[in-house]
Amino acid sequence: MKKSLVLFTAATFLFAAGLTSCHSPASKAEKVESAKQDVIEAKKDLDKATKEYLADVEKYRAETAAKVAANDKIIAEFNDRITREKKEVRAEYEKKIDALEQKNSDMKKAMDDYKVEGKEKWESFKTEFSRDMDELGKAFRDLTVKNVK
């Protein structure tokens, strides 16, 4: 009795081990097909992410171009306004305007020269560029405020 119980247990164990180690050809084909589908979906996701990234770059470039154009307009208006100022004051304003005009030009060039190199580099560039653009905008606002002494 004891011997038959041991034999039965051993036979069951071997049978179970044999079943779990068997792979049917259909399951391999299903795995290959599933892997192909995963690759296709991953490629679609990558294409979508790339399109979104490039659209973000173009949108930001357009926004920046509008800001640079607005800054150019402020410079032109301010140049017209300072012609009525005293000569000493006008010279000081012209220095400030020249510096802001150069910075505005540099910002435009930096955006034009940016090469699409990847999302991480873009995010870093965009953060730094936005900060610089905000500082430039503040400098323009400070310039156009008339200081009464």
Protein backbone atom coordinates (compact mmCIF):
# COMPACT_ATOMS: atom_id res chain seq x y z
CA MET A 1 0.00 0.00 0.00
CA LYS A 2 2.75 2.37 0.99
CA LYS A 3 4.69 1.48 -2.14
CA SER A 4 1.72 2.10 -4.44
CA LEU A 5 1.04 5.48 -2.81
CA VAL A 6 4.65 6.52 -3.40
CA LEU A 7 4.46 5.28 -7.00
CA PHE A 8 1.17 7.10 -7.58
CA THR A 9 2.59 10.35 -6.13
CA ALA A 10 5.76 10.05 -8.21
CA ALA A 11 3.76 9.33 -11.38
CA THR A 12 1.50 12.33 -10.71
CA PHE A 13 4.49 14.56 -10.14
CA LEU A 14 6.18 13.43 -13.38
CA PHE A 15 2.94 13.84 -15.32
CA ALA A 16 2.44 17.38 -14.00
CA ALA A 17 6.07 18.28 -14.74
CA GLY A 18 5.68 16.96 -18.27
CA LEU A 19 2.54 18.99 -18.90
CA THR A 20 4.04 22.24 -17.68
CA SER A 21 7.17 21.82 -19.77
CA CYS A 22 5.32 21.16 -23.03
CA HIS A 23 4.84 24.04 -25.41
CA SER A 24 2.51 23.65 -28.30
CA PRO A 25 3.49 25.20 -31.64
CA ALA A 26 0.28 27.23 -31.58
CA SER A 27 1.31 29.04 -28.39
CA LYS A 28 4.69 29.96 -29.90
CA ALA A 29 2.98 31.35 -32.99
CA GLU A 30 0.60 33.30 -30.78
CA LYS A 31 3.53 34.72 -28.82
CA VAL A 32 5.30 35.76 -32.02
CA GLU A 33 2.13 37.39 -33.32
CA SER A 34 1.59 39.15 -30.00
CA ALA A 35 5.17 40.41 -30.05
CA LYS A 36 4.67 41.71 -33.60
CA GLN A 37 1.54 43.56 -32.48
CA ASP A 38 3.42 45.03 -29.52
CA VAL A 39 6.15 46.29 -31.86
CA ILE A 40 3.60 47.82 -34.23
CA GLU A 41 1.80 49.57 -31.34
CA ALA A 42 5.10 50.81 -29.89
CA LYS A 43 6.07 52.24 -33.30
CA LYS A 44 2.69 54.00 -33.57
CA ASP A 45 3.14 55.45 -30.06
CA LEU A 46 6.65 56.63 -30.95
CA ASP A 47 5.42 58.23 -34.19
CA LYS A 48 2.62 59.98 -32.29
CA ALA A 49 5.01 61.24 -29.61
CA THR A 50 7.44 62.49 -32.27
CA LYS A 51 4.68 64.35 -34.08
CA GLU A 52 3.50 65.94 -30.82
CA TYR A 53 7.08 66.95 -29.98
CA LEU A 54 7.67 68.52 -33.40
CA ALA A 55 4.31 70.31 -33.20
CA ASP A 56 5.31 71.68 -29.79
CA VAL A 57 8.59 72.95 -31.22
CA GLU A 58 6.83 74.68 -34.12
CA LYS A 59 4.16 76.19 -31.87
CA TYR A 60 6.80 77.55 -29.51
CA ARG A 61 8.80 78.96 -32.43
CA ALA A 62 5.68 80.79 -33.65
CA GLU A 63 4.99 82.17 -30.15
CA THR A 64 8.59 83.31 -29.84
CA ALA A 65 8.54 84.97 -33.27
CA ALA A 66 5.43 86.91 -32.18
CA LYS A 67 7.16 88.05 -28.98
CA VAL A 68 10.28 89.12 -30.88
CA ALA A 69 8.12 91.07 -33.35
CA ALA A 70 6.30 92.75 -30.46
CA ASN A 71 9.66 93.69 -28.95
CA ASP A 72 10.77 95.15 -32.28
CA LYS A 73 7.58 97.22 -32.36
CA ILE A 74 8.24 98.49 -28.81
CA ILE A 75 11.77 99.47 -29.84
CA ALA A 76 10.50 101.41 -32.87
CA GLU A 77 7.84 103.20 -30.79
CA PHE A 78 10.35 104.02 -28.07
CA ASN A 79 12.86 105.36 -30.60
CA ASP A 80 10.14 107.69 -31.93
CA ARG A 81 9.28 108.81 -28.40
CA ILE A 82 12.85 109.58 -27.30
CA THR A 83 13.49 111.95 -30.20
CA ARG A 84 11.59 114.54 -28.15
CA GLU A 85 13.82 114.01 -25.09
CA LYS A 86 16.83 116.06 -24.06
CA LYS A 87 20.13 115.10 -25.65
CA GLU A 88 21.65 113.65 -22.42
CA VAL A 89 18.57 111.57 -21.63
CA ARG A 90 18.29 110.45 -25.23
CA ALA A 91 21.88 109.12 -25.23
CA GLU A 92 21.20 107.07 -22.10
CA TYR A 93 17.99 105.65 -23.58
CA GLU A 94 19.73 104.85 -26.86
CA LYS A 95 22.34 102.77 -25.00
CA LYS A 96 19.61 100.83 -23.23
CA ILE A 97 17.68 100.35 -26.44
CA ASP A 98 20.77 99.14 -28.30
CA ALA A 99 21.43 96.56 -25.58
CA LEU A 100 17.81 95.36 -25.61
CA GLU A 101 17.74 95.31 -29.39
CA GLN A 102 20.89 93.16 -29.42
CA LYS A 103 19.44 90.78 -26.81
CA ASN A 104 16.19 90.54 -28.81
CA SER A 105 18.20 89.74 -31.94
CA ASP A 106 20.24 87.13 -30.05
CA MET A 107 17.08 85.48 -28.78
CA LYS A 108 15.64 85.30 -32.30
CA LYS A 109 18.91 83.80 -33.58
CA ALA A 110 19.02 81.24 -30.77
CA MET A 111 15.52 80.06 -31.65
CA ASP A 112 16.25 79.99 -35.37
CA ASP A 113 19.48 78.05 -34.80
CA TYR A 114 17.93 75.45 -32.47
CA LYS A 115 18.27 71.96 -33.92
CA VAL A 116 15.69 69.34 -33.03
CA GLU A 117 17.75 66.92 -30.95
CA GLY A 118 15.30 65.18 -28.67
CA LYS A 119 12.55 65.86 -26.19
CA GLU A 120 14.79 66.13 -23.11
CA LYS A 121 17.12 68.67 -24.74
CA TRP A 122 14.08 70.53 -26.07
CA GLU A 123 12.50 70.80 -22.62
CA SER A 124 15.78 72.08 -21.18
CA PHE A 125 16.23 74.60 -24.01
CA LYS A 126 12.61 75.71 -23.78
CA THR A 127 12.82 76.28 -20.02
CA GLU A 128 15.99 78.34 -20.27
CA PHE A 129 14.76 80.23 -23.33
CA SER A 130 11.43 81.06 -21.68
CA ARG A 131 13.21 82.40 -18.62
CA ASP A 132 15.46 84.60 -20.80
CA MET A 133 12.48 85.78 -22.85
CA ASP A 134 10.59 86.71 -19.66
CA GLU A 135 13.59 88.69 -18.42
CA LEU A 136 13.79 90.48 -21.77
CA GLY A 137 10.08 91.29 -21.63
CA LYS A 138 10.52 92.70 -18.12
CA ALA A 139 13.44 94.83 -19.33
CA PHE A 140 11.23 96.22 -22.12
CA ARG A 141 8.44 97.02 -19.66
CA ASP A 142 10.90 98.72 -17.33
CA LEU A 143 12.26 100.77 -20.23
CA THR A 144 8.86 102.05 -21.31
CA VAL A 145 7.88 103.15 -17.80
CA LYS A 146 8.67 106.81 -17.45
CA ASN A 147 10.73 107.44 -14.33
CA VAL A 148 9.84 110.75 -12.78
CA LYS A 149 12.53 112.11 -10.46
